[in-house]
């Protein structure tokens, strides 16, 4: 039989977070505690929904970091070009003296 509920510890392990974070998620309403069952249990579907959300957030974060790194490279190239232009201008200005 497939387990249809998870304990706080199991949720924490699945999500890769601390039990305290699971408690915070419960208090914030991100995870709803099941009523009428012994102990603190969470519905499997709810936990997997949070897990999928977390994975989506990680994918989005990786995309943002990749975009940021590409932007940094472009900006460095622009700055290098500007620095070279400034050096050339200084050399030309000194030639006219």
PDB file of N, CA and C in Angstrom:
ATOM      1  N   UNK A   1       0.846  -1.186   0.000  1.00  0.00           N
ATOM      2  CA  UNK A   1       0.000   0.000   0.000  1.00  0.00           C
ATOM      3  C   UNK A   1       0.891   1.250   0.000  1.00  0.00           C
ATOM      4  N   UNK A   2       0.517   2.223  -0.811  1.00  0.00           N
ATOM      5  CA  UNK A   2       1.287   3.457  -0.939  1.00  0.00           C
ATOM      6  C   UNK A   2       0.957   4.396   0.211  1.00  0.00           C
ATOM      7  N   UNK A   3       1.995   4.969   0.802  1.00  0.00           N
ATOM      8  CA  UNK A   3       1.811   5.938   1.881  1.00  0.00           C
ATOM      9  C   UNK A   3       1.174   7.200   1.309  1.00  0.00           C
ATOM     10  N   UNK A   4       0.069   7.615   1.899  1.00  0.00           N
ATOM     11  CA  UNK A   4      -0.627   8.791   1.386  1.00  0.00           C
ATOM     12  C   UNK A   4      -0.390  10.028   2.224  1.00  0.00           C
ATOM     13  N   UNK A   5       0.376   9.851   3.294  1.00  0.00           N
ATOM     14  CA  UNK A   5       0.689  10.993   4.156  1.00  0.00           C
ATOM     15  C   UNK A   5       2.176  10.989   4.485  1.00  0.00           C
ATOM     16  N   UNK A   6       2.650  12.160   4.899  1.00  0.00           N
ATOM     17  CA  UNK A   6       4.039  12.302   5.320  1.00  0.00           C
ATOM     18  C   UNK A   6       4.084  12.998   6.669  1.00  0.00           C
ATOM     19  N   UNK A   7       5.028  12.596   7.495  1.00  0.00           N
ATOM     20  CA  UNK A   7       5.261  13.275   8.775  1.00  0.00           C
ATOM     21  C   UNK A   7       6.103  14.522   8.519  1.00  0.00           C
ATOM     22  N   UNK A   8       6.268  15.340   9.544  1.00  0.00           N
ATOM     23  CA  UNK A   8       7.125  16.533   9.412  1.00  0.00           C
ATOM     24  C   UNK A   8       8.546  16.146   9.006  1.00  0.00           C
ATOM     25  N   UNK A   9       9.068  15.115   9.669  1.00  0.00           N
ATOM     26  CA  UNK A   9      10.436  14.678   9.356  1.00  0.00           C
ATOM     27  C   UNK A   9      10.555  14.218   7.910  1.00  0.00           C
ATOM     28  N   UNK A  10       9.568  13.476   7.442  1.00  0.00           N
ATOM     29  CA  UNK A  10       9.595  12.996   6.056  1.00  0.00           C
ATOM     30  C   UNK A  10       9.506  14.158   5.071  1.00  0.00           C
ATOM     31  N   UNK A  11       8.645  15.122   5.381  1.00  0.00           N
ATOM     32  CA  UNK A  11       8.516  16.304   4.518  1.00  0.00           C
ATOM     33  C   UNK A  11       9.835  17.066   4.488  1.00  0.00           C
ATOM     34  N   UNK A  12      10.436  17.247   5.654  1.00  0.00           N
ATOM     35  CA  UNK A  12      11.712  17.967   5.729  1.00  0.00           C
ATOM     36  C   UNK A  12      12.763  17.265   4.874  1.00  0.00           C
ATOM     37  N   UNK A  13      12.821  15.948   4.968  1.00  0.00           N
ATOM     38  CA  UNK A  13      13.803  15.187   4.191  1.00  0.00           C
ATOM     39  C   UNK A  13      13.526  15.301   2.691  1.00  0.00           C
ATOM     40  N   UNK A  14      12.267  15.161   2.306  1.00  0.00           N
ATOM     41  CA  UNK A  14      11.901  15.265   0.886  1.00  0.00           C
ATOM     42  C   UNK A  14      12.239  16.629   0.292  1.00  0.00           C
ATOM     43  N   UNK A  15      11.956  17.682   1.056  1.00  0.00           N
ATOM     44  CA  UNK A  15      12.167  19.041   0.560  1.00  0.00           C
ATOM     45  C   UNK A  15      13.595  19.530   0.768  1.00  0.00           C
ATOM     46  N   UNK A  16      14.362  18.794   1.559  1.00  0.00           N
ATOM     47  CA  UNK A  16      15.732  19.219   1.825  1.00  0.00           C
ATOM     48  C   UNK A  16      15.807  20.440   2.717  1.00  0.00           C
ATOM     49  N   UNK A  17      14.882  20.503   3.681  1.00  0.00           N
ATOM     50  CA  UNK A  17      14.838  21.632   4.614  1.00  0.00           C
ATOM     51  C   UNK A  17      14.787  21.088   6.038  1.00  0.00           C
ATOM     52  N   UNK A  18      14.853  21.984   7.004  1.00  0.00           N
ATOM     53  CA  UNK A  18      14.771  21.561   8.404  1.00  0.00           C
ATOM     54  C   UNK A  18      13.310  21.362   8.813  1.00  0.00           C
ATOM     55  N   UNK A  19      13.128  20.659   9.914  1.00  0.00           N
ATOM     56  CA  UNK A  19      11.778  20.480  10.464  1.00  0.00           C
ATOM     57  C   UNK A  19      11.193  21.845  10.828  1.00  0.00           C
ATOM     58  N   UNK A  20      12.043  22.747  11.320  1.00  0.00           N
ATOM     59  CA  UNK A  20      11.587  24.105  11.640  1.00  0.00           C
ATOM     60  C   UNK A  20      11.010  24.811  10.425  1.00  0.00           C
ATOM     61  N   UNK A  21      11.627  24.602   9.273  1.00  0.00           N
ATOM     62  CA  UNK A  21      11.113  25.201   8.038  1.00  0.00           C
ATOM     63  C   UNK A  21       9.757  24.607   7.686  1.00  0.00           C
ATOM     64  N   UNK A  22       9.596  23.308   7.898  1.00  0.00           N
ATOM     65  CA  UNK A  22       8.300  22.664   7.641  1.00  0.00           C
ATOM     66  C   UNK A  22       7.241  23.261   8.562  1.00  0.00           C
ATOM     67  N   UNK A  23       7.595  23.485   9.822  1.00  0.00           N
ATOM     68  CA  UNK A  23       6.658  24.107  10.772  1.00  0.00           C
ATOM     69  C   UNK A  23       6.297  25.509  10.290  1.00  0.00           C
ATOM     70  N   UNK A  24       7.286  26.269   9.832  1.00  0.00           N
ATOM     71  CA  UNK A  24       7.009  27.608   9.291  1.00  0.00           C
ATOM     72  C   UNK A  24       6.089  27.526   8.082  1.00  0.00           C
ATOM     73  N   UNK A  25       6.319  26.550   7.201  1.00  0.00           N
ATOM     74  CA  UNK A  25       5.471  26.385   6.020  1.00  0.00           C
ATOM     75  C   UNK A  25       4.036  26.071   6.434  1.00  0.00           C
ATOM     76  N   UNK A  26       3.906  25.303   7.492  1.00  0.00           N
ATOM     77  CA  UNK A  26       2.579  24.978   8.023  1.00  0.00           C
ATOM     78  C   UNK A  26       1.910  26.242   8.567  1.00  0.00           C
ATOM     79  N   UNK A  27       2.651  27.041   9.328  1.00  0.00           N
ATOM     80  CA  UNK A  27       2.099  28.262   9.918  1.00  0.00           C
ATOM     81  C   UNK A  27       1.746  29.294   8.847  1.00  0.00           C
ATOM     82  N   UNK A  28       2.531  29.327   7.759  1.00  0.00           N
ATOM     83  CA  UNK A  28       2.270  30.270   6.667  1.00  0.00           C
ATOM     84  C   UNK A  28       1.133  29.805   5.764  1.00  0.00           C
ATOM     85  N   UNK A  29       0.741  28.533   5.903  1.00  0.00           N
ATOM     86  CA  UNK A  29      -0.325  28.001   5.061  1.00  0.00           C
ATOM     87  C   UNK A  29       0.175  27.356   3.779  1.00  0.00           C
ATOM     88  N   UNK A  30       1.490  27.260   3.616  1.00  0.00           N
ATOM     89  CA  UNK A  30       2.051  26.617   2.432  1.00  0.00           C
ATOM     90  C   UNK A  30       1.738  25.128   2.442  1.00  0.00           C
ATOM     91  N   UNK A  31       1.802  24.530   3.615  1.00  0.00           N
ATOM     92  CA  UNK A  31       1.418  23.129   3.807  1.00  0.00           C
ATOM     93  C   UNK A  31       0.299  23.076   4.832  1.00  0.00           C
ATOM     94  N   UNK A  32      -0.721  22.283   4.529  1.00  0.00           N
ATOM     95  CA  UNK A  32      -1.836  22.153   5.464  1.00  0.00           C
ATOM     96  C   UNK A  32      -1.743  20.807   6.171  1.00  0.00           C
ATOM     97  N   UNK A  33      -1.794  20.897   7.478  1.00  0.00           N
ATOM     98  CA  UNK A  33      -1.734  19.713   8.334  1.00  0.00           C
ATOM     99  C   UNK A  33      -3.065  18.967   8.239  1.00  0.00           C
ATOM    100  N   UNK A  34      -2.995  17.637   8.168  1.00  0.00           N
ATOM    101  CA  UNK A  34      -4.218  16.835   8.119  1.00  0.00           C
ATOM    102  C   UNK A  34      -4.817  16.723   9.515  1.00  0.00           C
ATOM    103  N   UNK A  35      -6.107  16.860   9.578  1.00  0.00           N
ATOM    104  CA  UNK A  35      -6.813  16.747  10.856  1.00  0.00           C
ATOM    105  C   UNK A  35      -7.432  15.349  10.936  1.00  0.00           C
ATOM    106  N   UNK A  36      -7.603  14.862  12.130  1.00  0.00           N
ATOM    107  CA  UNK A  36      -8.261  13.578  12.333  1.00  0.00           C
ATOM    108  C   UNK A  36      -7.357  12.365  12.139  1.00  0.00           C
ATOM    109  N   UNK A  37      -6.049  12.611  12.045  1.00  0.00           N
ATOM    110  CA  UNK A  37      -5.101  11.492  11.969  1.00  0.00           C
ATOM    111  C   UNK A  37      -4.107  11.648  13.115  1.00  0.00           C
ATOM    112  N   UNK A  38      -3.595  10.540  13.627  1.00  0.00           N
ATOM    113  CA  UNK A  38      -2.647  10.655  14.736  1.00  0.00           C
ATOM    114  C   UNK A  38      -1.343  11.327  14.307  1.00  0.00           C
ATOM    115  N   UNK A  39      -0.812  12.140  15.190  1.00  0.00           N
ATOM    116  CA  UNK A  39       0.445  12.834  14.904  1.00  0.00           C
ATOM    117  C   UNK A  39       0.241  13.985  13.934  1.00  0.00           C
ATOM    118  N   UNK A  40       1.345  14.523  13.470  1.00  0.00           N
ATOM    119  CA  UNK A  40       1.305  15.611  12.494  1.00  0.00           C
ATOM    120  C   UNK A  40       1.583  14.997  11.137  1.00  0.00           C
ATOM    121  N   UNK A  41       0.595  15.053  10.263  1.00  0.00           N
ATOM    122  CA  UNK A  41       0.717  14.449   8.936  1.00  0.00           C
ATOM    123  C   UNK A  41       0.290  15.453   7.869  1.00  0.00           C
ATOM    124  N   UNK A  42       0.881  15.273   6.684  1.00  0.00           N
ATOM    125  CA  UNK A  42       0.570  16.127   5.539  1.00  0.00           C
ATOM    126  C   UNK A  42       0.189  15.240   4.359  1.00  0.00           C
ATOM    127  N   UNK A  43      -0.744  15.727   3.561  1.00  0.00           N
ATOM    128  CA  UNK A  43      -1.201  15.008   2.383  1.00  0.00           C
ATOM    129  C   UNK A  43      -0.077  14.897   1.359  1.00  0.00           C
ATOM    130  N   UNK A  44       0.062  13.718   0.783  1.00  0.00           N
ATOM    131  CA  UNK A  44       1.117  13.455  -0.201  1.00  0.00           C
ATOM    132  C   UNK A  44       1.040  14.427  -1.380  1.00  0.00           C
ATOM    133  N   UNK A  45      -0.157  14.669  -1.903  1.00  0.00           N
ATOM    134  CA  UNK A  45      -0.306  15.587  -3.049  1.00  0.00           C
ATOM    135  C   UNK A  45       0.170  16.991  -2.716  1.00  0.00           C
ATOM    136  N   UNK A  46      -0.169  17.465  -1.519  1.00  0.00           N
ATOM    137  CA  UNK A  46       0.263  18.807  -1.103  1.00  0.00           C
ATOM    138  C   UNK A  46       1.785  18.893  -1.024  1.00  0.00           C
ATOM    139  N   UNK A  47       2.401  17.852  -0.481  1.00  0.00           N
ATOM    140  CA  UNK A  47       3.862  17.841  -0.344  1.00  0.00           C
ATOM    141  C   UNK A  47       4.512  17.824  -1.722  1.00  0.00           C
ATOM    142  N   UNK A  48       3.999  16.982  -2.618  1.00  0.00           N
ATOM    143  CA  UNK A  48       4.571  16.921  -3.971  1.00  0.00           C
ATOM    144  C   UNK A  48       4.355  18.229  -4.729  1.00  0.00           C
ATOM    145  N   UNK A  49       3.238  18.899  -4.470  1.00  0.00           N
ATOM    146  CA  UNK A  49       2.999  20.199  -5.113  1.00  0.00           C
ATOM    147  C   UNK A  49       4.060  21.206  -4.675  1.00  0.00           C
ATOM    148  N   UNK A  50       4.376  21.221  -3.379  1.00  0.00           N
ATOM    149  CA  UNK A  50       5.419  22.120  -2.868  1.00  0.00           C
ATOM    150  C   UNK A  50       6.772  21.724  -3.448  1.00  0.00           C
ATOM    151  N   UNK A  51       7.031  20.424  -3.539  1.00  0.00           N
ATOM    152  CA  UNK A  51       8.294  19.937  -4.093  1.00  0.00           C
ATOM    153  C   UNK A  51       8.440  20.376  -5.550  1.00  0.00           C
ATOM    154  N   UNK A  52       7.385  20.247  -6.343  1.00  0.00           N
ATOM    155  CA  UNK A  52       7.423  20.683  -7.745  1.00  0.00           C
ATOM    156  C   UNK A  52       7.633  22.179  -7.842  1.00  0.00           C
ATOM    157  N   UNK A  53       6.975  22.925  -6.956  1.00  0.00           N
ATOM    158  CA  UNK A  53       7.141  24.381  -6.918  1.00  0.00           C
ATOM    159  C   UNK A  53       8.596  24.729  -6.626  1.00  0.00           C
ATOM    160  N   UNK A  54       9.172  24.019  -5.674  1.00  0.00           N
ATOM    161  CA  UNK A  54      10.566  24.267  -5.293  1.00  0.00           C
ATOM    162  C   UNK A  54      11.494  23.982  -6.475  1.00  0.00           C
ATOM    163  N   UNK A  55      11.242  22.886  -7.193  1.00  0.00           N
ATOM    164  CA  UNK A  55      12.061  22.556  -8.361  1.00  0.00           C
ATOM    165  C   UNK A  55      11.921  23.622  -9.438  1.00  0.00           C
ATOM    166  N   UNK A  56      10.685  24.105  -9.652  1.00  0.00           N
ATOM    167  CA  UNK A  56      10.463  25.175 -10.627  1.00  0.00           C
ATOM    168  C   UNK A  56      11.226  26.429 -10.226  1.00  0.00           C
ATOM    169  N   UNK A  57      11.220  26.741  -8.928  1.00  0.00           N
ATOM    170  CA  UNK A  57      11.954  27.911  -8.436  1.00  0.00           C
ATOM    171  C   UNK A  57      13.454  27.753  -8.684  1.00  0.00           C
ATOM    172  N   UNK A  58      13.968  26.548  -8.476  1.00  0.00           N
ATOM    173  CA  UNK A  58      15.396  26.301  -8.704  1.00  0.00           C
ATOM    174  C   UNK A  58      15.760  26.460 -10.176  1.00  0.00           C
ATOM    175  N   UNK A  59      14.897  25.961 -11.066  1.00  0.00           N
ATOM    176  CA  UNK A  59      15.146  26.099 -12.505  1.00  0.00           C
ATOM    177  C   UNK A  59      15.145  27.572 -12.885  1.00  0.00           C
ATOM    178  N   UNK A  60      14.170  28.305 -12.376  1.00  0.00           N
ATOM    179  CA  UNK A  60      14.093  29.738 -12.665  1.00  0.00           C
ATOM    180  C   UNK A  60      15.319  30.464 -12.105  1.00  0.00           C
ATOM    181  N   UNK A  61      15.757  30.096 -10.916  1.00  0.00           N
ATOM    182  CA  UNK A  61      16.930  30.723 -10.311  1.00  0.00           C
ATOM    183  C   UNK A  61      18.176  30.454 -11.153  1.00  0.00           C
ATOM    184  N   UNK A  62      18.324  29.226 -11.649  1.00  0.00           N
ATOM    185  CA  UNK A  62      19.470  28.893 -12.498  1.00  0.00           C
ATOM    186  C   UNK A  62      19.452  29.726 -13.774  1.00  0.00           C
ATOM    187  N   UNK A  63      18.268  29.922 -14.352  1.00  0.00           N
ATOM    188  CA  UNK A  63      18.157  30.765 -15.554  1.00  0.00           C
ATOM    189  C   UNK A  63      18.562  32.200 -15.252  1.00  0.00           C
ATOM    190  N   UNK A  64      18.101  32.710 -14.127  1.00  0.00           N
ATOM    191  CA  UNK A  64      18.449  34.082 -13.746  1.00  0.00           C
ATOM    192  C   UNK A  64      19.952  34.230 -13.530  1.00  0.00           C
ATOM    193  N   UNK A  65      20.558  33.253 -12.873  1.00  0.00           N
ATOM    194  CA  UNK A  65      22.004  33.302 -12.639  1.00  0.00           C
ATOM    195  C   UNK A  65      22.756  33.250 -13.962  1.00  0.00           C
ATOM    196  N   UNK A  66      22.305  32.401 -14.882  1.00  0.00           N
ATOM    197  CA  UNK A  66      22.939  32.305 -16.199  1.00  0.00           C
ATOM    198  C   UNK A  66      22.841  33.635 -16.941  1.00  0.00           C
ATOM    199  N   UNK A  67      21.659  34.241 -16.916  1.00  0.00           N
ATOM    200  CA  UNK A  67      21.468  35.541 -17.562  1.00  0.00           C
ATOM    201  C   UNK A  67      22.353  36.594 -16.912  1.00  0.00           C
ATOM    202  N   UNK A  68      22.437  36.569 -15.597  1.00  0.00           N
ATOM    203  CA  UNK A  68      23.270  37.524 -14.867  1.00  0.00           C
ATOM    204  C   UNK A  68      24.738  37.363 -15.245  1.00  0.00           C
ATOM    205  N   UNK A  69      25.205  36.131 -15.340  1.00  0.00           N
ATOM    206  CA  UNK A  69      26.603  35.893 -15.702  1.00  0.00           C
ATOM    207  C   UNK A  69      26.894  36.385 -17.120  1.00  0.00           C
ATOM    208  N   UNK A  70      25.970  36.160 -18.045  1.00  0.00           N
ATOM    209  CA  UNK A  70      26.157  36.640 -19.416  1.00  0.00           C
ATOM    210  C   UNK A  70      26.180  38.167 -19.455  1.00  0.00           C
ATOM    211  N   UNK A  71      25.325  38.796 -18.662  1.00  0.00           N
ATOM    212  CA  UNK A  71      25.295  40.257 -18.597  1.00  0.00           C
ATOM    213  C   UNK A  71      26.603  40.795 -18.032  1.00  0.00           C
ATOM    214  N   UNK A  72      27.126  40.152 -17.014  1.00  0.00           N
ATOM    215  CA  UNK A  72      28.402  40.573 -16.419  1.00  0.00           C
ATOM    216  C   UNK A  72      29.520  40.494 -17.456  1.00  0.00           C
ATOM    217  N   UNK A  73      29.554  39.423 -18.234  1.00  0.00           N
ATOM    218  CA  UNK A  73      30.577  39.279 -19.277  1.00  0.00           C
ATOM    219  C   UNK A  73      30.447  40.396 -20.306  1.00  0.00           C
ATOM    220  N   UNK A  74      29.211  40.680 -20.744  1.00  0.00           N
ATOM    221  CA  UNK A  74      28.996  41.768 -21.720  1.00  0.00           C
ATOM    222  C   UNK A  74      29.439  43.108 -21.154  1.00  0.00           C
ATOM    223  N   UNK A  75      29.100  43.370 -19.902  1.00  0.00           N
ATOM    224  CA  UNK A  75      29.478  44.640 -19.280  1.00  0.00           C
ATOM    225  C   UNK A  75      30.993  44.763 -19.137  1.00  0.00           C
ATOM    226  N   UNK A  76      31.649  43.667 -18.805  1.00  0.00           N
ATOM    227  CA  UNK A  76      33.117  43.704 -18.711  1.00  0.00           C
ATOM    228  C   UNK A  76      33.741  44.046 -20.062  1.00  0.00           C
ATOM    229  N   UNK A  77      33.204  43.463 -21.124  1.00  0.00           N
ATOM    230  CA  UNK A  77      33.718  43.761 -22.468  1.00  0.00           C
ATOM    231  C   UNK A  77      33.488  45.229 -22.828  1.00  0.00           C
ATOM    232  N   UNK A  78      32.325  45.751 -22.465  1.00  0.00           N
ATOM    233  CA  UNK A  78      32.032  47.169 -22.721  1.00  0.00           C
ATOM    234  C   UNK A  78      33.010  48.049 -21.949  1.00  0.00           C
ATOM    235  N   UNK A  79      33.232  47.727 -20.685  1.00  0.00           N
ATOM    236  CA  UNK A  79      34.151  48.516 -19.849  1.00  0.00           C
ATOM    237  C   UNK A  79      35.565  48.446 -20.405  1.00  0.00           C
ATOM    238  N   UNK A  80      35.985  47.260 -20.840  1.00  0.00           N
ATOM    239  CA  UNK A  80      37.322  47.132 -21.431  1.00  0.00           C
ATOM    240  C   UNK A  80      37.445  48.003 -22.679  1.00  0.00           C
ATOM    241  N   UNK A  81      36.406  48.008 -23.510  1.00  0.00           N
ATOM    242  CA  UNK A  81      36.407  48.843 -24.712  1.00  0.00           C
ATOM    243  C   UNK A  81      36.477  50.316 -24.364  1.00  0.00           C
ATOM    244  N   UNK A  82      35.720  50.721 -23.353  1.00  0.00           N
ATOM    245  CA  UNK A  82      35.739  52.123 -22.924  1.00  0.00           C
ATOM    246  C   UNK A  82      37.108  52.500 -22.365  1.00  0.00           C
ATOM    247  N   UNK A  83      37.713  51.603 -21.595  1.00  0.00           N
ATOM    248  CA  UNK A  83      39.035  51.877 -21.025  1.00  0.00           C
ATOM    249  C   UNK A  83      40.063  52.029 -22.141  1.00  0.00           C
ATOM    250  N   UNK A  84      39.978  51.189 -23.151  1.00  0.00           N
ATOM    251  CA  UNK A  84      40.899  51.282 -24.287  1.00  0.00           C
ATOM    252  C   UNK A  84      40.700  52.601 -25.035  1.00  0.00           C
ATOM    253  N   UNK A  85      39.444  53.008 -25.199  1.00  0.00           N
ATOM    254  CA  UNK A  85      39.156  54.295 -25.856  1.00  0.00           C
ATOM    255  C   UNK A  85      39.739  55.453 -25.053  1.00  0.00           C
ATOM    256  N   UNK A  86      39.615  55.390 -23.745  1.00  0.00           N
ATOM    257  CA  UNK A  86      40.163  56.447 -22.883  1.00  0.00           C
ATOM    258  C   UNK A  86      41.684  56.491 -22.984  1.00  0.00           C
ATOM    259  N   UNK A  87      42.324  55.333 -22.980  1.00  0.00           N
ATOM    260  CA  UNK A  87      43.785  55.296 -23.115  1.00  0.00           C
ATOM    261  C   UNK A  87      44.217  55.899 -24.450  1.00  0.00           C
ATOM    262  N   UNK A  88      43.504  55.558 -25.509  1.00  0.00           N
ATOM    263  CA  UNK A  88      43.827  56.110 -26.833  1.00  0.00           C
ATOM    264  C   UNK A  88      43.657  57.619 -26.840  1.00  0.00           C
ATOM    265  N   UNK A  89      42.597  58.099 -26.207  1.00  0.00           N
ATOM    266  CA  UNK A  89      42.346  59.540 -26.160  1.00  0.00           C
ATOM    267  C   UNK A  89      43.451  60.251 -25.388  1.00  0.00           C
ATOM    268  N   UNK A  90      43.914  59.654 -24.304  1.00  0.00           N
ATOM    269  CA  UNK A  90      44.990  60.256 -23.510  1.00  0.00           C
ATOM    270  C   UNK A  90      46.274  60.314 -24.335  1.00  0.00           C
ATOM    271  N   UNK A  91      46.586  59.240 -25.045  1.00  0.00           N
ATOM    272  CA  UNK A  91      47.790  59.210 -25.880  1.00  0.00           C
ATOM    273  C   UNK A  91      47.710  60.291 -26.952  1.00  0.00           C
ATOM    274  N   UNK A  92      46.567  60.429 -27.613  1.00  0.00           N
ATOM    275  CA  UNK A  92      46.397  61.447 -28.655  1.00  0.00           C
ATOM    276  C   UNK A  92      46.493  62.846 -28.068  1.00  0.00           C
ATOM    277  N   UNK A  93      45.915  63.040 -26.890  1.00  0.00           N
ATOM    278  CA  UNK A  93      45.965  64.358 -26.253  1.00  0.00           C
ATOM    279  C   UNK A  93      47.403  64.723 -25.914  1.00  0.00           C
ATOM    280  N   UNK A  94      48.191  63.764 -25.491  1.00  0.00           N
ATOM    281  CA  UNK A  94      49.588  64.043 -25.158  1.00  0.00           C
ATOM    282  C   UNK A  94      50.414  64.304 -26.415  1.00  0.00           C
ATOM    283  N   UNK A  95      50.017  63.727 -27.536  1.00  0.00           N
ATOM    284  CA  UNK A  95      50.720  63.980 -28.798  1.00  0.00           C
ATOM    285  C   UNK A  95      50.531  65.422 -29.257  1.00  0.00           C
ATOM    286  N   UNK A  96      49.385  66.011 -28.937  1.00  0.00           N
ATOM    287  CA  UNK A  96      49.094  67.383 -29.359  1.00  0.00           C
ATOM    288  C   UNK A  96      49.770  68.425 -28.482  1.00  0.00           C
ATOM    289  N   UNK A  97      50.311  68.040 -27.359  1.00  0.00           N
ATOM    290  CA  UNK A  97      50.937  69.005 -26.446  1.00  0.00           C
ATOM    291  C   UNK A  97      52.208  69.539 -26.997  1.00  0.00           C
TER     292      UNK A  97
END
